Amino acid sequence: MSRLPNLSRLHLGGLRDVESFRSHLAELKIQIPCDDELSDSLAQPLHRGGIHLGNRFAIQPMEGWDGTAGGRPTELTFRRWKHFGLSGAKLIWGGEAVAVRHDGRANPHQLAINEHSNDDLNALRETVTGSTTDLFVGLQLTHSGRYSRANAHNRPEPKILYRHPILDQRLGISSDYPLLTDGNIREIVEDFCKAAVLAQDAGFDFVDIKHCHGYLGHEFLSAYTREGDYGGSFENRTRFLREVVQGVRAVAPRLQIGVRFSAFDTVPFHRDMFGTGTPEALRPYRWGFGVNVENPTEYDLDEPIQFMRLLSELGVTLVNISAGSPYYNPHVQRPAFYPPSDGYLPPEDPLLGVARQMEVTRALKQKFPELIIVGSAYSYLQDFLPHVAHAAVREGWTDCVGLGRLILSYPSLPLDVIQGRKLQRKKICRTFSDCTSAPRAGLPSGCYPLDLEYKQSENAVLLKKLKAQR
């Protein structure tokens, strides 16, 4: 991967028409589909496997860092969910990453399943469905595993499955730090099943068994060096998934099940002396799922294809494709022009990151046409997102287009696109990454540059000071 040349010249915000964007792609030798005119591809309904979607936009799950210490939603949480419902998207994927137990929270303000959950989850679902009756709404169930910080944002309390030569050192994990036992894992399986019952009682249509971004479900997939029932072979590394799916079906039979997973990864990156992301020099790299062991900045789809085949066999119809982790290779997971405060300058043009996720999603969709596939990494496309999304759906690269951080600044973008309105350029996410920098400092996640609710808040002042100190 080469160092990103002349960043200012390559900023997408300076391109004003589709032809300029297409020329820009050609100059960079990047293959991304892009339509000149928008018809109705994104407005088309989708009916498959008992699931009915009104259009092809999906809202990705996001952690708001704005719950209470007890894991309950606040006014900011309800505001975000209301925006999801008003967006025009018909698939609300997970809404929020909700921890199935306290010690599995990624931050001390993450929503959590607890004694208040029946009322809270029902209220959140009603908030998102209050403006429409034809949404398909899920709840993302998660355990943060290695990245658990349940009690303080600056105090890691990791729950790990195996020793990682790079990530253990970064998190200060000693060589004698305890691993989760097989018995601990079976307890977590039960927690996922109990959480699914609550989600069903609250009226959700599906639950997402999260397997992405370095959290516990994702770490299972790369547990090659773990011994026992949950490590080593592919069968063992997917045992957690199978047990959760089977358990949820037994206790919450009305729920559909979805899985969001990182279809590929890379070796962790670090910030070099120039501030640019550089891959760690560890080869062969035996701690990543969907990774070329000998060249770990490249993906290998052999096992991700096996995983997709397993999902199909388990009757999991909804699959959301993501990649990597925000903790150790954010340019892979979430392509951006500006890095978060704890990140690094992108080592490649962010469009390469978009194209990489799109081409993997396309490859998996072609092999598993029976599944409903949601693609990710579209936000960096900015003004040209509708043109690329339209082409991707029209050409069968994906079934649905997932939108995350862009919705924080411009929640009505899907509705504007579907109804043929001109985009509101002042609301388009320019990937300043404050929605990540804020939670890294223990503040709520939101669009501080463009959303007045955040821009005019006391937290915006704190964030500016904290960024200046880094």
Foldseek 3Di string as FASTA:
>chain_A
DFAAPPLVVLFPVVDDAPVSVVVSCVVVVFDFFFFRDFDFLQQPWDDAPNDTFRGFAEADADWFLQADLVQAHDPVLLVLLLLLLQQPGQEYAQNYEEELDLQQALASRHHYDDPCLLVRLLSSVCSSCVVHPRHQYEREYFGQAQRGDRRHLPQGDHAAADDDPPSCVVNVNDPPHDHQDPVNLVVVLVSLQVVLLSNVSSPHQAYEHEQAANGDNVQLCLQCPGDDQRYNDNNNSCVSVVSSLVSNCVNRVRHAYEYEHAQWEAAFWDQDPVQETDHDPDAQDRRIHQADRGHRVDGHRPVSLVVVVVCVVSVRQHYEYFHYHCPGQVLLGANACARALRHGHYSYHSVVSVSVQLVVLQVSCVVCVSHQYEGERQQQVWQRSSRSQSRCSVVRSHVHYYDYQLCLQPSNVVVCVNVVHHDPNLSRDNRNCVLPNLVSVSHTRGPCVHDCVNVVDPSVVVSVVVSVVD
